[in-house]
Amino acid sequence: MVFKNQADMPKCCPPSDAGAEDLEPVYRYTKKEVVQENDFENHIEANIPFKEENKCGAIALSFFTTTEAAKSLRRHKKFRKMVISQGKITAKCGIHNIENKHINLWVFEGVNMLPAFLGEGD
């Protein structure tokens, strides 16, 4: 499968321990209560600066396995006004790995994450 921003991926990205499976529930920071398409932009798509050595993670979308893990980011000013939204990831979305209750998801090209996250069209 081809990934979103694959041409920008460094070697060994996604990591070899990444796999595809359904995960529910997952939690993601969104701008508002109503989840929108632009809540699923990676750092490149959203023009968020990142260090070159973090490029693989910057291409991935971040989710959490628990609300407690997501809330731990509230210590950063950027996340204080954002909403923690609950949804799901399916094996059709891409491949992911989980480390310390944080999920990096490398999205397959052509996947619309909004309906997948909301469980629409299952």
PDB file of N, CA and C in Angstrom:
ATOM      1  N   MET A   1       0.830  -1.188   0.000  1.00  0.00           N
ATOM      2  CA  MET A   1       0.000   0.000   0.000  1.00  0.00           C
ATOM      3  C   MET A   1       0.878   1.256   0.000  1.00  0.00           C
ATOM      4  N   VAL A   2       0.335   2.301  -0.543  1.00  0.00           N
ATOM      5  CA  VAL A   2       1.008   3.591  -0.579  1.00  0.00           C
ATOM      6  C   VAL A   2       0.475   4.432   0.579  1.00  0.00           C
ATOM      7  N   PHE A   3       1.369   5.187   1.220  1.00  0.00           N
ATOM      8  CA  PHE A   3       0.998   6.019   2.349  1.00  0.00           C
ATOM      9  C   PHE A   3       0.884   7.482   1.940  1.00  0.00           C
ATOM     10  N   LYS A   4       0.086   8.230   2.688  1.00  0.00           N
ATOM     11  CA  LYS A   4       0.052   9.682   2.551  1.00  0.00           C
ATOM     12  C   LYS A   4       1.453  10.212   2.804  1.00  0.00           C
ATOM     13  N   ASN A   5       1.911  11.122   1.998  1.00  0.00           N
ATOM     14  CA  ASN A   5       3.235  11.739   2.127  1.00  0.00           C
ATOM     15  C   ASN A   5       4.373  10.729   2.053  1.00  0.00           C
ATOM     16  N   GLN A   6       4.166   9.641   1.355  1.00  0.00           N
ATOM     17  CA  GLN A   6       5.188   8.601   1.266  1.00  0.00           C
ATOM     18  C   GLN A   6       6.486   9.129   0.668  1.00  0.00           C
ATOM     19  N   ALA A   7       6.393  10.022  -0.288  1.00  0.00           N
ATOM     20  CA  ALA A   7       7.599  10.574  -0.922  1.00  0.00           C
ATOM     21  C   ALA A   7       8.458  11.330   0.085  1.00  0.00           C
ATOM     22  N   ASP A   8       7.855  11.829   1.152  1.00  0.00           N
ATOM     23  CA  ASP A   8       8.585  12.570   2.179  1.00  0.00           C
ATOM     24  C   ASP A   8       9.123  11.686   3.305  1.00  0.00           C
ATOM     25  N   MET A   9       8.762  10.413   3.308  1.00  0.00           N
ATOM     26  CA  MET A   9       9.138   9.531   4.413  1.00  0.00           C
ATOM     27  C   MET A   9      10.623   9.210   4.398  1.00  0.00           C
ATOM     28  N   PRO A  10      11.252   9.266   5.568  1.00  0.00           N
ATOM     29  CA  PRO A  10      12.642   8.825   5.654  1.00  0.00           C
ATOM     30  C   PRO A  10      12.722   7.301   5.564  1.00  0.00           C
ATOM     31  N   LYS A  11      13.927   6.779   5.385  1.00  0.00           N
ATOM     32  CA  LYS A  11      14.111   5.329   5.374  1.00  0.00           C
ATOM     33  C   LYS A  11      13.622   4.771   6.705  1.00  0.00           C
ATOM     34  N   CYS A  12      13.171   3.539   6.690  1.00  0.00           N
ATOM     35  CA  CYS A  12      12.671   2.846   7.886  1.00  0.00           C
ATOM     36  C   CYS A  12      11.415   3.505   8.452  1.00  0.00           C
ATOM     37  N   CYS A  13      10.660   4.153   7.618  1.00  0.00           N
ATOM     38  CA  CYS A  13       9.400   4.755   8.046  1.00  0.00           C
ATOM     39  C   CYS A  13       8.302   4.239   7.127  1.00  0.00           C
ATOM     40  N   PRO A  14       7.220   3.767   7.664  1.00  0.00           N
ATOM     41  CA  PRO A  14       6.930   3.504   9.062  1.00  0.00           C
ATOM     42  C   PRO A  14       7.849   2.426   9.624  1.00  0.00           C
ATOM     43  N   PRO A  15       7.985   2.376  10.952  1.00  0.00           N
ATOM     44  CA  PRO A  15       8.867   1.374  11.564  1.00  0.00           C
ATOM     45  C   PRO A  15       8.355  -0.045  11.346  1.00  0.00           C
ATOM     46  N   SER A  16       9.254  -0.985  11.444  1.00  0.00           N
ATOM     47  CA  SER A  16       8.915  -2.387  11.160  1.00  0.00           C
ATOM     48  C   SER A  16       7.913  -2.978  12.147  1.00  0.00           C
ATOM     49  N   ASP A  17       7.757  -2.375  13.318  1.00  0.00           N
ATOM     50  CA  ASP A  17       6.797  -2.918  14.284  1.00  0.00           C
ATOM     51  C   ASP A  17       5.377  -2.391  14.085  1.00  0.00           C
ATOM     52  N   ALA A  18       5.160  -1.564  13.061  1.00  0.00           N
ATOM     53  CA  ALA A  18       3.827  -1.032  12.785  1.00  0.00           C
ATOM     54  C   ALA A  18       2.972  -2.095  12.098  1.00  0.00           C
ATOM     55  N   GLY A  19       1.706  -2.141  12.478  1.00  0.00           N
ATOM     56  CA  GLY A  19       0.793  -3.108  11.892  1.00  0.00           C
ATOM     57  C   GLY A  19      -0.597  -2.517  11.739  1.00  0.00           C
ATOM     58  N   ALA A  20      -1.439  -3.235  11.038  1.00  0.00           N
ATOM     59  CA  ALA A  20      -2.808  -2.778  10.793  1.00  0.00           C
ATOM     60  C   ALA A  20      -3.769  -3.634  11.604  1.00  0.00           C
ATOM     61  N   GLU A  21      -4.611  -2.973  12.379  1.00  0.00           N
ATOM     62  CA  GLU A  21      -5.677  -3.653  13.102  1.00  0.00           C
ATOM     63  C   GLU A  21      -6.697  -2.602  13.523  1.00  0.00           C
ATOM     64  N   ASP A  22      -7.895  -3.073  13.824  1.00  0.00           N
ATOM     65  CA  ASP A  22      -8.926  -2.170  14.314  1.00  0.00           C
ATOM     66  C   ASP A  22      -8.627  -1.817  15.765  1.00  0.00           C
ATOM     67  N   LEU A  23      -8.769  -0.538  16.100  1.00  0.00           N
ATOM     68  CA  LEU A  23      -8.593  -0.070  17.473  1.00  0.00           C
ATOM     69  C   LEU A  23      -9.779   0.809  17.841  1.00  0.00           C
ATOM     70  N   GLU A  24     -10.404   0.479  18.977  1.00  0.00           N
ATOM     71  CA  GLU A  24     -11.533   1.273  19.446  1.00  0.00           C
ATOM     72  C   GLU A  24     -11.709   1.041  20.937  1.00  0.00           C
ATOM     73  N   PRO A  25     -11.845   2.090  21.703  1.00  0.00           N
ATOM     74  CA  PRO A  25     -11.828   3.487  21.314  1.00  0.00           C
ATOM     75  C   PRO A  25     -10.402   4.019  21.226  1.00  0.00           C
ATOM     76  N   VAL A  26     -10.245   5.072  20.453  1.00  0.00           N
ATOM     77  CA  VAL A  26      -9.015   5.858  20.418  1.00  0.00           C
ATOM     78  C   VAL A  26      -9.411   7.312  20.642  1.00  0.00           C
ATOM     79  N   TYR A  27      -8.443   8.125  21.039  1.00  0.00           N
ATOM     80  CA  TYR A  27      -8.712   9.515  21.371  1.00  0.00           C
ATOM     81  C   TYR A  27      -7.745  10.409  20.607  1.00  0.00           C
ATOM     82  N   ARG A  28      -8.284  11.531  20.115  1.00  0.00           N
ATOM     83  CA  ARG A  28      -7.473  12.463  19.335  1.00  0.00           C
ATOM     84  C   ARG A  28      -7.865  13.885  19.703  1.00  0.00           C
ATOM     85  N   TYR A  29      -6.874  14.756  19.748  1.00  0.00           N
ATOM     86  CA  TYR A  29      -7.150  16.172  19.947  1.00  0.00           C
ATOM     87  C   TYR A  29      -7.752  16.744  18.672  1.00  0.00           C
ATOM     88  N   THR A  30      -8.868  17.457  18.822  1.00  0.00           N
ATOM     89  CA  THR A  30      -9.523  18.127  17.704  1.00  0.00           C
ATOM     90  C   THR A  30      -9.748  19.597  18.086  1.00  0.00           C
ATOM     91  N   LYS A  31      -9.982  20.399  17.090  1.00  0.00           N
ATOM     92  CA  LYS A  31     -10.112  21.836  17.337  1.00  0.00           C
ATOM     93  C   LYS A  31     -11.427  22.196  18.034  1.00  0.00           C
ATOM     94  N   LYS A  32     -12.494  21.460  17.735  1.00  0.00           N
ATOM     95  CA  LYS A  32     -13.820  21.749  18.286  1.00  0.00           C
ATOM     96  C   LYS A  32     -14.533  20.448  18.630  1.00  0.00           C
ATOM     97  N   GLU A  33     -15.702  20.573  19.263  1.00  0.00           N
ATOM     98  CA  GLU A  33     -16.515  19.408  19.616  1.00  0.00           C
ATOM     99  C   GLU A  33     -16.908  18.602  18.376  1.00  0.00           C
ATOM    100  N   VAL A  34     -17.255  19.319  17.306  1.00  0.00           N
ATOM    101  CA  VAL A  34     -17.625  18.647  16.058  1.00  0.00           C
ATOM    102  C   VAL A  34     -16.343  18.368  15.283  1.00  0.00           C
ATOM    103  N   VAL A  35     -16.041  17.092  15.123  1.00  0.00           N
ATOM    104  CA  VAL A  35     -14.809  16.676  14.446  1.00  0.00           C
ATOM    105  C   VAL A  35     -14.932  16.995  12.956  1.00  0.00           C
ATOM    106  N   GLN A  36     -13.838  17.547  12.377  1.00  0.00           N
ATOM    107  CA  GLN A  36     -13.854  17.958  10.974  1.00  0.00           C
ATOM    108  C   GLN A  36     -12.685  17.332  10.216  1.00  0.00           C
ATOM    109  N   GLU A  37     -12.754  17.410   8.895  1.00  0.00           N
ATOM    110  CA  GLU A  37     -11.703  16.848   8.028  1.00  0.00           C
ATOM    111  C   GLU A  37     -10.309  17.343   8.418  1.00  0.00           C
ATOM    112  N   ASN A  38     -10.180  18.656   8.685  1.00  0.00           N
ATOM    113  CA  ASN A  38      -8.849  19.211   8.948  1.00  0.00           C
ATOM    114  C   ASN A  38      -8.287  18.796  10.315  1.00  0.00           C
ATOM    115  N   ASP A  39      -9.063  18.091  11.109  1.00  0.00           N
ATOM    116  CA  ASP A  39      -8.549  17.536  12.360  1.00  0.00           C
ATOM    117  C   ASP A  39      -7.653  16.318  12.104  1.00  0.00           C
ATOM    118  N   PHE A  40      -7.578  15.884  10.862  1.00  0.00           N
ATOM    119  CA  PHE A  40      -6.784  14.712  10.504  1.00  0.00           C
ATOM    120  C   PHE A  40      -5.657  15.051   9.531  1.00  0.00           C
ATOM    121  N   GLU A  41      -5.106  16.240   9.666  1.00  0.00           N
ATOM    122  CA  GLU A  41      -3.933  16.631   8.888  1.00  0.00           C
ATOM    123  C   GLU A  41      -2.687  16.318   9.695  1.00  0.00           C
ATOM    124  N   ASN A  42      -1.689  15.760   9.022  1.00  0.00           N
ATOM    125  CA  ASN A  42      -0.417  15.538   9.712  1.00  0.00           C
ATOM    126  C   ASN A  42       0.376  16.848   9.721  1.00  0.00           C
ATOM    127  N   HIS A  43       1.548  16.831  10.303  1.00  0.00           N
ATOM    128  CA  HIS A  43       2.338  18.060  10.428  1.00  0.00           C
ATOM    129  C   HIS A  43       2.677  18.684   9.071  1.00  0.00           C
ATOM    130  N   ILE A  44       2.960  17.864   8.090  1.00  0.00           N
ATOM    131  CA  ILE A  44       3.290  18.387   6.755  1.00  0.00           C
ATOM    132  C   ILE A  44       2.071  19.078   6.155  1.00  0.00           C
ATOM    133  N   GLU A  45       0.923  18.421   6.192  1.00  0.00           N
ATOM    134  CA  GLU A  45      -0.295  18.987   5.612  1.00  0.00           C
ATOM    135  C   GLU A  45      -0.750  20.253   6.345  1.00  0.00           C
ATOM    136  N   ALA A  46      -0.526  20.301   7.653  1.00  0.00           N
ATOM    137  CA  ALA A  46      -0.963  21.449   8.455  1.00  0.00           C
ATOM    138  C   ALA A  46       0.109  22.526   8.571  1.00  0.00           C
ATOM    139  N   ASN A  47       1.242  22.315   7.901  1.00  0.00           N
ATOM    140  CA  ASN A  47       2.361  23.268   7.955  1.00  0.00           C
ATOM    141  C   ASN A  47       2.830  23.550   9.383  1.00  0.00           C
ATOM    142  N   ILE A  48       2.905  22.489  10.186  1.00  0.00           N
ATOM    143  CA  ILE A  48       3.408  22.598  11.554  1.00  0.00           C
ATOM    144  C   ILE A  48       4.898  22.263  11.523  1.00  0.00           C
ATOM    145  N   PRO A  49       5.736  23.144  12.022  1.00  0.00           N
ATOM    146  CA  PRO A  49       7.179  22.871  11.992  1.00  0.00           C
ATOM    147  C   PRO A  49       7.541  21.654  12.856  1.00  0.00           C
ATOM    148  N   PHE A  50       8.562  20.950  12.422  1.00  0.00           N
ATOM    149  CA  PHE A  50       9.072  19.798  13.165  1.00  0.00           C
ATOM    150  C   PHE A  50      10.543  19.625  12.850  1.00  0.00           C
ATOM    151  N   LYS A  51      11.245  18.947  13.742  1.00  0.00           N
ATOM    152  CA  LYS A  51      12.662  18.659  13.516  1.00  0.00           C
ATOM    153  C   LYS A  51      12.777  17.523  12.513  1.00  0.00           C
ATOM    154  N   GLU A  52      13.778  17.607  11.662  1.00  0.00           N
ATOM    155  CA  GLU A  52      13.982  16.599  10.614  1.00  0.00           C
ATOM    156  C   GLU A  52      14.059  15.186  11.190  1.00  0.00           C
ATOM    157  N   GLU A  53      14.686  15.036  12.357  1.00  0.00           N
ATOM    158  CA  GLU A  53      14.811  13.698  12.963  1.00  0.00           C
ATOM    159  C   GLU A  53      13.461  13.160  13.455  1.00  0.00           C
ATOM    160  N   ASN A  54      12.438  14.016  13.499  1.00  0.00           N
ATOM    161  CA  ASN A  54      11.098  13.592  13.912  1.00  0.00           C
ATOM    162  C   ASN A  54      10.136  13.460  12.729  1.00  0.00           C
ATOM    163  N   LYS A  55      10.674  13.451  11.522  1.00  0.00           N
ATOM    164  CA  LYS A  55       9.840  13.474  10.316  1.00  0.00           C
ATOM    165  C   LYS A  55       8.900  12.271  10.216  1.00  0.00           C
ATOM    166  N   CYS A  56       9.360  11.095  10.573  1.00  0.00           N
ATOM    167  CA  CYS A  56       8.502   9.912  10.477  1.00  0.00           C
ATOM    168  C   CYS A  56       7.266  10.088  11.357  1.00  0.00           C
ATOM    169  N   GLY A  57       7.454  10.537  12.581  1.00  0.00           N
ATOM    170  CA  GLY A  57       6.337  10.785  13.482  1.00  0.00           C
ATOM    171  C   GLY A  57       5.472  11.950  13.038  1.00  0.00           C
ATOM    172  N   ALA A  58       6.076  12.942  12.397  1.00  0.00           N
ATOM    173  CA  ALA A  58       5.332  14.108  11.924  1.00  0.00           C
ATOM    174  C   ALA A  58       4.401  13.755  10.766  1.00  0.00           C
ATOM    175  N   ILE A  59       4.732  12.716  10.024  1.00  0.00           N
ATOM    176  CA  ILE A  59       3.887  12.250   8.927  1.00  0.00           C
ATOM    177  C   ILE A  59       2.709  11.438   9.462  1.00  0.00           C
ATOM    178  N   ALA A  60       2.897  10.832  10.620  1.00  0.00           N
ATOM    179  CA  ALA A  60       1.842  10.033  11.241  1.00  0.00           C
ATOM    180  C   ALA A  60       0.812  10.932  11.918  1.00  0.00           C
ATOM    181  N   LEU A  61      -0.369  10.378  12.161  1.00  0.00           N
ATOM    182  CA  LEU A  61      -1.378  11.039  12.971  1.00  0.00           C
ATOM    183  C   LEU A  61      -1.286  10.482  14.385  1.00  0.00           C
ATOM    184  N   SER A  62      -1.445  11.336  15.381  1.00  0.00           N
ATOM    185  CA  SER A  62      -1.353  10.936  16.778  1.00  0.00           C
ATOM    186  C   SER A  62      -2.729  10.665  17.374  1.00  0.00           C
ATOM    187  N   PHE A  63      -2.817   9.561  18.067  1.00  0.00           N
ATOM    188  CA  PHE A  63      -3.998   9.176  18.818  1.00  0.00           C
ATOM    189  C   PHE A  63      -3.516   8.640  20.163  1.00  0.00           C
ATOM    190  N   PHE A  64      -4.456   8.400  21.056  1.00  0.00           N
ATOM    191  CA  PHE A  64      -4.134   7.845  22.365  1.00  0.00           C
ATOM    192  C   PHE A  64      -5.076   6.696  22.663  1.00  0.00           C
ATOM    193  N   THR A  65      -4.620   5.776  23.506  1.00  0.00           N
ATOM    194  CA  THR A  65      -5.448   4.623  23.859  1.00  0.00           C
ATOM    195  C   THR A  65      -6.351   4.904  25.046  1.00  0.00           C
ATOM    196  N   THR A  66      -6.063   5.960  25.806  1.00  0.00           N
ATOM    197  CA  THR A  66      -6.893   6.331  26.956  1.00  0.00           C
ATOM    198  C   THR A  66      -7.045   7.844  27.012  1.00  0.00           C
ATOM    199  N   THR A  67      -8.109   8.296  27.661  1.00  0.00           N
ATOM    200  CA  THR A  67      -8.284   9.741  27.836  1.00  0.00           C
ATOM    201  C   THR A  67      -7.227  10.280  28.787  1.00  0.00           C
ATOM    202  N   GLU A  68      -6.816   9.470  29.752  1.00  0.00           N
ATOM    203  CA  GLU A  68      -5.782   9.915  30.693  1.00  0.00           C
ATOM    204  C   GLU A  68      -4.475  10.213  29.961  1.00  0.00           C
ATOM    205  N   ALA A  69      -4.114   9.358  29.030  1.00  0.00           N
ATOM    206  CA  ALA A  69      -2.888   9.580  28.251  1.00  0.00           C
ATOM    207  C   ALA A  69      -3.013  10.857  27.423  1.00  0.00           C
ATOM    208  N   ALA A  70      -4.173  11.074  26.825  1.00  0.00           N
ATOM    209  CA  ALA A  70      -4.386  12.295  26.036  1.00  0.00           C
ATOM    210  C   ALA A  70      -4.319  13.532  26.931  1.00  0.00           C
ATOM    211  N   LYS A  71      -4.937  13.462  28.093  1.00  0.00           N
ATOM    212  CA  LYS A  71      -4.960  14.607  29.013  1.00  0.00           C
ATOM    213  C   LYS A  71      -3.562  15.003  29.486  1.00  0.00           C
ATOM    214  N   SER A  72      -2.626  14.065  29.438  1.00  0.00           N
ATOM    215  CA  SER A  72      -1.264  14.378  29.885  1.00  0.00           C
ATOM    216  C   SER A  72      -0.630  15.489  29.049  1.00  0.00           C
ATOM    217  N   LEU A  73      -1.132  15.702  27.827  1.00  0.00           N
ATOM    218  CA  LEU A  73      -0.604  16.776  26.975  1.00  0.00           C
ATOM    219  C   LEU A  73      -1.170  18.145  27.333  1.00  0.00           C
ATOM    220  N   ARG A  74      -2.135  18.199  28.201  1.00  0.00           N
ATOM    221  CA  ARG A  74      -2.723  19.484  28.598  1.00  0.00           C
ATOM    222  C   ARG A  74      -1.688  20.408  29.240  1.00  0.00           C
ATOM    223  N   ARG A  75      -0.578  19.852  29.688  1.00  0.00           N
ATOM    224  CA  ARG A  75       0.474  20.697  30.265  1.00  0.00           C
ATOM    225  C   ARG A  75       1.082  21.624  29.217  1.00  0.00           C
ATOM    226  N   HIS A  76       0.902  21.288  27.934  1.00  0.00           N
ATOM    227  CA  HIS A  76       1.376  22.136  26.836  1.00  0.00           C
ATOM    228  C   HIS A  76       0.255  23.102  26.440  1.00  0.00           C
ATOM    229  N   LYS A  77       0.572  24.356  26.380  1.00  0.00           N
ATOM    230  CA  LYS A  77      -0.411  25.402  26.098  1.00  0.00           C
ATOM    231  C   LYS A  77      -1.227  25.119  24.836  1.00  0.00           C
ATOM    232  N   LYS A  78      -0.589  24.581  23.814  1.00  0.00           N
ATOM    233  CA  LYS A  78      -1.233  24.302  22.528  1.00  0.00           C
ATOM    234  C   LYS A  78      -2.479  23.416  22.679  1.00  0.00           C
ATOM    235  N   PHE A  79      -2.469  22.513  23.653  1.00  0.00           N
ATOM    236  CA  PHE A  79      -3.553  21.536  23.788  1.00  0.00           C
ATOM    237  C   PHE A  79      -4.637  21.934  24.786  1.00  0.00           C
ATOM    238  N   ARG A  80      -4.435  22.991  25.539  1.00  0.00           N
ATOM    239  CA  ARG A  80      -5.365  23.350  26.611  1.00  0.00           C
ATOM    240  C   ARG A  80      -6.766  23.699  26.126  1.00  0.00           C
ATOM    241  N   LYS A  81      -6.872  24.318  24.968  1.00  0.00           N
ATOM    242  CA  LYS A  81      -8.182  24.716  24.460  1.00  0.00           C
ATOM    243  C   LYS A  81      -8.754  23.720  23.456  1.00  0.00           C
ATOM    244  N   MET A  82      -8.019  22.664  23.174  1.00  0.00           N
ATOM    245  CA  MET A  82      -8.492  21.679  22.218  1.00  0.00           C
ATOM    246  C   MET A  82      -9.393  20.658  22.911  1.00  0.00           C
ATOM    247  N   VAL A  83     -10.139  19.908  22.120  1.00  0.00           N
ATOM    248  CA  VAL A  83     -11.091  18.916  22.601  1.00  0.00           C
ATOM    249  C   VAL A  83     -10.497  17.522  22.398  1.00  0.00           C
ATOM    250  N   ILE A  84     -10.725  16.646  23.343  1.00  0.00           N
ATOM    251  CA  ILE A  84     -10.333  15.250  23.169  1.00  0.00           C
ATOM    252  C   ILE A  84     -11.553  14.515  22.626  1.00  0.00           C
ATOM    253  N   SER A  85     -11.455  14.038  21.391  1.00  0.00           N
ATOM    254  CA  SER A  85     -12.563  13.360  20.722  1.00  0.00           C
ATOM    255  C   SER A  85     -12.312  11.862  20.684  1.00  0.00           C
ATOM    256  N   GLN A  86     -13.375  11.101  20.827  1.00  0.00           N
ATOM    257  CA  GLN A  86     -13.292   9.638  20.816  1.00  0.00           C
ATOM    258  C   GLN A  86     -13.740   9.110  19.469  1.00  0.00           C
ATOM    259  N   GLY A  87     -13.022   8.096  18.976  1.00  0.00           N
ATOM    260  CA  GLY A  87     -13.383   7.480  17.709  1.00  0.00           C
ATOM    261  C   GLY A  87     -12.740   6.122  17.565  1.00  0.00           C
ATOM    262  N   LYS A  88     -12.474   5.774  16.325  1.00  0.00           N
ATOM    263  CA  LYS A  88     -11.861   4.472  16.057  1.00  0.00           C
ATOM    264  C   LYS A  88     -10.909   4.562  14.884  1.00  0.00           C
ATOM    265  N   ILE A  89     -10.039   3.576  14.819  1.00  0.00           N
ATOM    266  CA  ILE A  89      -9.129   3.375  13.694  1.00  0.00           C
ATOM    267  C   ILE A  89      -9.421   1.971  13.178  1.00  0.00           C
ATOM    268  N   THR A  90      -9.490   1.820  11.868  1.00  0.00           N
ATOM    269  CA  THR A  90      -9.662   0.481  11.313  1.00  0.00           C
ATOM    270  C   THR A  90      -8.395   0.059  10.580  1.00  0.00           C
ATOM    271  N   ALA A  91      -8.284  -1.206  10.321  1.00  0.00           N
ATOM    272  CA  ALA A  91      -7.131  -1.735   9.592  1.00  0.00           C
ATOM    273  C   ALA A  91      -7.030  -1.133   8.198  1.00  0.00           C
ATOM    274  N   LYS A  92      -8.138  -0.635   7.669  1.00  0.00           N
ATOM    275  CA  LYS A  92      -8.152  -0.017   6.337  1.00  0.00           C
ATOM    276  C   LYS A  92      -7.560   1.390   6.338  1.00  0.00           C
ATOM    277  N   CYS A  93      -7.403   1.997   7.526  1.00  0.00           N
ATOM    278  CA  CYS A  93      -6.892   3.367   7.629  1.00  0.00           C
ATOM    279  C   CYS A  93      -5.398   3.456   7.335  1.00  0.00           C
ATOM    280  N   GLY A  94      -4.652   2.475   7.814  1.00  0.00           N
ATOM    281  CA  GLY A  94      -3.205   2.511   7.681  1.00  0.00           C
ATOM    282  C   GLY A  94      -2.568   1.559   8.666  1.00  0.00           C
ATOM    283  N   ILE A  95      -1.292   1.794   8.950  1.00  0.00           N
ATOM    284  CA  ILE A  95      -0.610   0.966   9.937  1.00  0.00           C
ATOM    285  C   ILE A  95      -0.162   1.855  11.094  1.00  0.00           C
ATOM    286  N   HIS A  96      -0.064   1.254  12.259  1.00  0.00           N
ATOM    287  CA  HIS A  96       0.236   2.039  13.449  1.00  0.00           C
ATOM    288  C   HIS A  96       1.136   1.256  14.401  1.00  0.00           C
ATOM    289  N   ASN A  97       1.713   1.993  15.330  1.00  0.00           N
ATOM    290  CA  ASN A  97       2.359   1.372  16.474  1.00  0.00           C
ATOM    291  C   ASN A  97       1.915   2.123  17.719  1.00  0.00           C
ATOM    292  N   ILE A  98       2.021   1.443  18.843  1.00  0.00           N
ATOM    293  CA  ILE A  98       1.602   2.017  20.119  1.00  0.00           C
ATOM    294  C   ILE A  98       2.788   1.993  21.058  1.00  0.00           C
ATOM    295  N   GLU A  99       3.068   3.146  21.656  1.00  0.00           N
ATOM    296  CA  GLU A  99       4.139   3.252  22.639  1.00  0.00           C
ATOM    297  C   GLU A  99       3.668   4.166  23.764  1.00  0.00           C
ATOM    298  N   ASN A 100       3.654   3.641  24.969  1.00  0.00           N
ATOM    299  CA  ASN A 100       3.208   4.411  26.139  1.00  0.00           C
ATOM    300  C   ASN A 100       1.826   5.021  25.940  1.00  0.00           C
ATOM    301  N   LYS A 101       0.898   4.236  25.438  1.00  0.00           N
ATOM    302  CA  LYS A 101      -0.500   4.642  25.230  1.00  0.00           C
ATOM    303  C   LYS A 101      -0.665   5.709  24.152  1.00  0.00           C
ATOM    304  N   HIS A 102       0.394   5.978  23.391  1.00  0.00           N
ATOM    305  CA  HIS A 102       0.342   6.897  22.254  1.00  0.00           C
ATOM    306  C   HIS A 102       0.393   6.078  20.969  1.00  0.00           C
ATOM    307  N   ILE A 103      -0.461   6.427  20.030  1.00  0.00           N
ATOM    308  CA  ILE A 103      -0.547   5.723  18.744  1.00  0.00           C
ATOM    309  C   ILE A 103      -0.057   6.648  17.645  1.00  0.00           C
ATOM    310  N   ASN A 104       0.879   6.175  16.843  1.00  0.00           N
ATOM    311  CA  ASN A 104       1.246   6.835  15.593  1.00  0.00           C
ATOM    312  C   ASN A 104       0.597   6.040  14.476  1.00  0.00           C
ATOM    313  N   LEU A 105      -0.212   6.691  13.657  1.00  0.00           N
ATOM    314  CA  LEU A 105      -0.887   6.048  12.539  1.00  0.00           C
ATOM    315  C   LEU A 105      -0.385   6.648  11.237  1.00  0.00           C
ATOM    316  N   TRP A 106       0.211   5.799  10.392  1.00  0.00           N
ATOM    317  CA  TRP A 106       0.624   6.211   9.062  1.00  0.00           C
ATOM    318  C   TRP A 106      -0.522   5.837   8.131  1.00  0.00           C
ATOM    319  N   VAL A 107      -1.179   6.854   7.612  1.00  0.00           N
ATOM    320  CA  VAL A 107      -2.425   6.696   6.871  1.00  0.00           C
ATOM    321  C   VAL A 107      -2.148   6.286   5.424  1.00  0.00           C
ATOM    322  N   PHE A 108      -2.929   5.324   4.945  1.00  0.00           N
ATOM    323  CA  PHE A 108      -2.840   4.927   3.546  1.00  0.00           C
ATOM    324  C   PHE A 108      -3.357   6.062   2.666  1.00  0.00           C
ATOM    325  N   GLU A 109      -2.737   6.226   1.505  1.00  0.00           N
ATOM    326  CA  GLU A 109      -3.162   7.226   0.517  1.00  0.00           C
ATOM    327  C   GLU A 109      -4.619   6.968   0.151  1.00  0.00           C
ATOM    328  N   GLY A 110      -5.399   8.036   0.072  1.00  0.00           N
ATOM    329  CA  GLY A 110      -6.795   7.933  -0.349  1.00  0.00           C
ATOM    330  C   GLY A 110      -7.788   7.660   0.773  1.00  0.00           C
ATOM    331  N   VAL A 111      -7.311   7.464   2.007  1.00  0.00           N
ATOM    332  CA  VAL A 111      -8.209   7.199   3.127  1.00  0.00           C
ATOM    333  C   VAL A 111      -8.759   8.512   3.668  1.00  0.00           C
ATOM    334  N   ASN A 112     -10.052   8.564   3.856  1.00  0.00           N
ATOM    335  CA  ASN A 112     -10.703   9.716   4.496  1.00  0.00           C
ATOM    336  C   ASN A 112     -10.877   9.354   5.967  1.00  0.00           C
ATOM    337  N   MET A 113     -10.086   9.960   6.825  1.00  0.00           N
ATOM    338  CA  MET A 113     -10.086   9.604   8.237  1.00  0.00           C
ATOM    339  C   MET A 113     -11.346  10.041   8.978  1.00  0.00           C
ATOM    340  N   LEU A 114     -12.014  11.083   8.535  1.00  0.00           N
ATOM    341  CA  LEU A 114     -13.190  11.561   9.263  1.00  0.00           C
ATOM    342  C   LEU A 114     -14.261  10.488   9.404  1.00  0.00           C
ATOM    343  N   PRO A 115     -14.779   9.913   8.309  1.00  0.00           N
ATOM    344  CA  PRO A 115     -15.803   8.880   8.493  1.00  0.00           C
ATOM    345  C   PRO A 115     -15.276   7.627   9.185  1.00  0.00           C
ATOM    346  N   ALA A 116     -14.013   7.294   8.954  1.00  0.00           N
ATOM    347  CA  ALA A 116     -13.432   6.129   9.631  1.00  0.00           C
ATOM    348  C   ALA A 116     -13.417   6.346  11.136  1.00  0.00           C
ATOM    349  N   PHE A 117     -12.942   7.504  11.570  1.00  0.00           N
ATOM    350  CA  PHE A 117     -12.854   7.841  12.988  1.00  0.00           C
ATOM    351  C   PHE A 117     -14.242   7.843  13.637  1.00  0.00           C
ATOM    352  N   LEU A 118     -15.225   8.371  12.928  1.00  0.00           N
ATOM    353  CA  LEU A 118     -16.577   8.464  13.448  1.00  0.00           C
ATOM    354  C   LEU A 118     -17.364   7.153  13.341  1.00  0.00           C
ATOM    355  N   GLY A 119     -16.784   6.147  12.657  1.00  0.00           N
ATOM    356  CA  GLY A 119     -17.448   4.858  12.510  1.00  0.00           C
ATOM    357  C   GLY A 119     -18.550   4.865  11.486  1.00  0.00           C
ATOM    358  N   GLU A 120     -18.500   5.811  10.561  1.00  0.00           N
ATOM    359  CA  GLU A 120     -19.518   5.898   9.517  1.00  0.00           C
ATOM    360  C   GLU A 120     -19.133   4.993   8.348  1.00  0.00           C
ATOM    361  N   GLY A 121     -20.091   4.283   7.833  1.00  0.00           N
ATOM    362  CA  GLY A 121     -19.847   3.443   6.669  1.00  0.00           C
ATOM    363  C   GLY A 121     -19.221   2.108   7.005  1.00  0.00           C
ATOM    364  N   ASP A 122     -19.358   1.665   8.263  1.00  0.00           N
ATOM    365  CA  ASP A 122     -18.798   0.341   8.640  1.00  0.00           C
ATOM    366  C   ASP A 122     -19.497  -0.767   7.903  1.00  0.00           C
TER     367      ASP A 122
END
